[in-house]
Amino acid sequence: MKNILFLFLLLIPLPGLAQEKKSHLNHVTLVVSNLEESKAFYIGILQLEAIETPWWGEDDPYMFLSLGDAGELHIGEIEGIEIAPNGYNHFAIAVEDLDAFLSYLKAKGVQYGGLGADGEPWLVQTRPDGVRQTFLQDPDGYWVELNDKY
């Protein structure tokens, strides 16, 4: 009976003992120079959906957008913050049909692609894990990866 009780006690999770902590991305925030231009890009081009933000009014220079299961994208105009994007800092959005989305971007006149290590331009590339990807820039020059890892 003591052995069964001991085994039972081993199965009870105790606070503070090595339990797996789960976390997930909640949101990404970008400072933008023009909220209306950014709104046109993220809602009009990337087709993200605006999220209600009861603490911000319609005239406040902030907006929250849904990234689906990945969380949210927060964008806002913040005085005095330098906007200095580069090619390494980016976030990725997976789309269900990359080819269809690229056709849509082309019809909208949106440029996408990247440069290889050799300096040669490409429109779509396949990563070593088999995921196809491309990149485009928002109005402030932030890089957004689009891929088919849906």
Protein backbone atom coordinates (compact mmCIF):
# COMPACT_ATOMS: atom_id res chain seq x y z
CA MET A 1 0.00 0.00 0.00
CA LYS A 2 2.89 2.38 0.77
CA ASN A 3 4.29 1.87 -2.76
CA ILE A 4 0.94 2.74 -4.36
CA LEU A 5 0.61 5.89 -2.21
CA PHE A 6 4.19 6.89 -3.10
CA LEU A 7 3.50 6.43 -6.84
CA PHE A 8 0.27 8.44 -6.52
CA LEU A 9 2.12 11.29 -4.79
CA LEU A 10 4.71 11.34 -7.60
CA LEU A 11 1.92 11.98 -10.10
CA ILE A 12 0.56 15.06 -8.30
CA PRO A 13 2.02 18.25 -9.82
CA LEU A 14 3.55 20.41 -7.11
CA PRO A 15 3.91 24.20 -7.49
CA GLY A 16 7.47 25.30 -8.17
CA LEU A 17 8.73 21.91 -9.33
CA ALA A 18 10.01 21.43 -12.86
CA GLN A 19 6.77 21.73 -14.79
CA GLU A 20 6.75 22.66 -18.43
CA LYS A 21 5.80 26.32 -18.78
CA LYS A 22 3.84 27.05 -21.92
CA SER A 23 3.97 30.41 -23.62
CA HIS A 24 3.00 31.91 -26.94
CA LEU A 25 3.44 35.11 -28.87
CA ASN A 26 0.89 37.68 -27.73
CA HIS A 27 1.66 40.68 -29.93
CA VAL A 28 4.23 42.58 -31.96
CA THR A 29 4.30 46.39 -31.87
CA LEU A 30 5.55 48.60 -34.70
CA VAL A 31 5.98 52.36 -34.54
CA VAL A 32 4.77 53.83 -37.83
CA SER A 33 5.12 57.27 -39.38
CA ASN A 34 1.61 57.45 -40.83
CA LEU A 35 -1.17 55.37 -39.32
CA GLU A 36 -3.48 55.79 -42.32
CA GLU A 37 -0.83 54.53 -44.79
CA SER A 38 0.00 51.62 -42.49
CA LYS A 39 -3.69 50.83 -42.05
CA ALA A 40 -4.10 50.77 -45.85
CA PHE A 41 -1.18 48.33 -46.10
CA TYR A 42 -2.01 45.97 -43.25
CA ILE A 43 -5.78 45.93 -43.77
CA GLY A 44 -6.03 46.75 -47.48
CA ILE A 45 -3.07 44.70 -48.77
CA LEU A 46 -2.30 42.02 -46.17
CA GLN A 47 -5.99 41.66 -45.27
CA LEU A 48 -5.50 41.68 -41.49
CA GLU A 49 -8.56 42.44 -39.39
CA ALA A 50 -8.78 45.32 -36.93
CA ILE A 51 -9.38 44.42 -33.29
CA GLU A 52 -11.54 46.46 -30.94
CA THR A 53 -9.42 48.45 -28.49
CA PRO A 54 -11.77 50.05 -25.99
CA TRP A 55 -9.01 52.06 -24.29
CA TRP A 56 -8.10 53.84 -27.57
CA GLY A 57 -10.50 56.23 -29.26
CA GLU A 58 -10.99 56.55 -33.01
CA ASP A 59 -8.82 59.68 -33.04
CA ASP A 60 -5.89 58.08 -31.18
CA PRO A 61 -2.92 57.18 -33.40
CA TYR A 62 -2.94 53.46 -32.51
CA MET A 63 -4.51 50.34 -33.99
CA PHE A 64 -4.51 46.65 -33.11
CA LEU A 65 -4.76 43.97 -35.80
CA SER A 66 -5.35 40.24 -35.56
CA LEU A 67 -2.60 37.82 -36.58
CA GLY A 68 -4.90 34.85 -36.03
CA ASP A 69 -3.52 32.21 -33.67
CA ALA A 70 -0.17 34.04 -33.62
CA GLY A 71 -1.57 36.97 -31.64
CA GLU A 72 -1.82 40.60 -32.58
CA LEU A 73 0.02 43.34 -34.44
CA HIS A 74 -0.10 46.74 -32.72
CA ILE A 75 0.77 49.77 -34.83
CA GLY A 76 0.95 53.37 -33.73
CA GLU A 77 2.43 56.78 -34.34
CA ILE A 78 4.78 57.65 -31.45
CA GLU A 79 6.45 61.06 -31.46
CA GLY A 80 10.21 61.03 -31.05
CA ILE A 81 10.76 57.33 -31.83
CA GLU A 82 13.14 56.69 -34.72
CA ILE A 83 11.91 54.21 -37.30
CA ALA A 84 14.92 52.19 -38.47
CA PRO A 85 13.88 48.85 -39.99
CA ASN A 86 16.44 46.50 -41.48
CA GLY A 87 16.36 43.29 -43.48
CA TYR A 88 16.85 41.01 -40.48
CA ASN A 89 14.07 42.30 -38.24
CA HIS A 90 10.79 41.02 -39.61
CA PHE A 91 7.72 39.00 -38.78
CA ALA A 92 6.11 36.33 -40.92
CA ILE A 93 2.53 35.73 -41.96
CA ALA A 94 1.56 32.30 -43.28
CA VAL A 95 -1.03 32.32 -46.05
CA GLU A 96 -3.15 29.38 -47.13
CA ASP A 97 -2.31 29.68 -50.85
CA LEU A 98 0.95 31.54 -51.44
CA ASP A 99 0.66 31.52 -55.23
CA ALA A 100 -2.85 32.99 -55.14
CA PHE A 101 -1.74 35.64 -52.65
CA LEU A 102 1.24 36.54 -54.84
CA SER A 103 -1.10 36.92 -57.83
CA TYR A 104 -3.25 39.20 -55.70
CA LEU A 105 -0.19 41.28 -54.71
CA LYS A 106 0.91 41.53 -58.34
CA ALA A 107 -2.58 42.75 -59.34
CA LYS A 108 -2.35 45.40 -56.58
CA GLY A 109 1.07 46.49 -57.86
CA VAL A 110 2.82 45.45 -54.64
CA GLN A 111 6.48 44.53 -55.08
CA TYR A 112 7.84 41.50 -53.26
CA GLY A 113 10.95 39.33 -53.25
CA GLY A 114 14.46 39.52 -51.91
CA LEU A 115 18.14 39.45 -52.74
CA GLY A 116 20.25 36.34 -52.54
CA ALA A 117 23.68 36.19 -50.91
CA ASP A 118 25.08 36.68 -54.41
CA GLY A 119 23.09 39.90 -54.79
CA GLU A 120 20.74 38.36 -57.35
CA PRO A 121 17.07 39.23 -56.91
CA TRP A 122 14.42 36.53 -56.44
CA LEU A 123 10.63 36.65 -56.12
CA VAL A 124 10.00 33.45 -54.12
CA GLN A 125 12.49 31.12 -52.51
CA THR A 126 12.26 27.79 -50.74
CA ARG A 127 13.83 27.57 -47.30
CA PRO A 128 15.84 24.48 -46.28
CA ASP A 129 12.73 23.20 -44.43
CA GLY A 130 10.72 23.23 -47.68
CA VAL A 131 8.64 26.31 -46.83
CA ARG A 132 8.24 28.77 -49.70
CA GLN A 133 8.63 32.43 -48.77
CA THR A 134 8.85 35.95 -50.06
CA PHE A 135 9.26 39.35 -48.45
CA LEU A 136 7.68 42.75 -48.87
CA GLN A 137 7.95 46.06 -47.07
CA ASP A 138 5.29 48.14 -45.37
CA PRO A 139 5.12 51.94 -45.91
CA ASP A 140 7.81 52.53 -43.24
CA GLY A 141 10.17 49.89 -44.65
CA TYR A 142 9.44 47.15 -42.12
CA TRP A 143 9.94 43.73 -43.66
CA VAL A 144 7.10 41.23 -43.68
CA GLU A 145 7.70 37.63 -44.69
CA LEU A 146 4.88 35.77 -46.42
CA ASN A 147 5.15 32.00 -46.45
CA ASP A 148 3.14 28.86 -47.07
CA LYS A 149 3.70 27.22 -43.65
CA TYR A 150 -0.06 27.44 -43.02
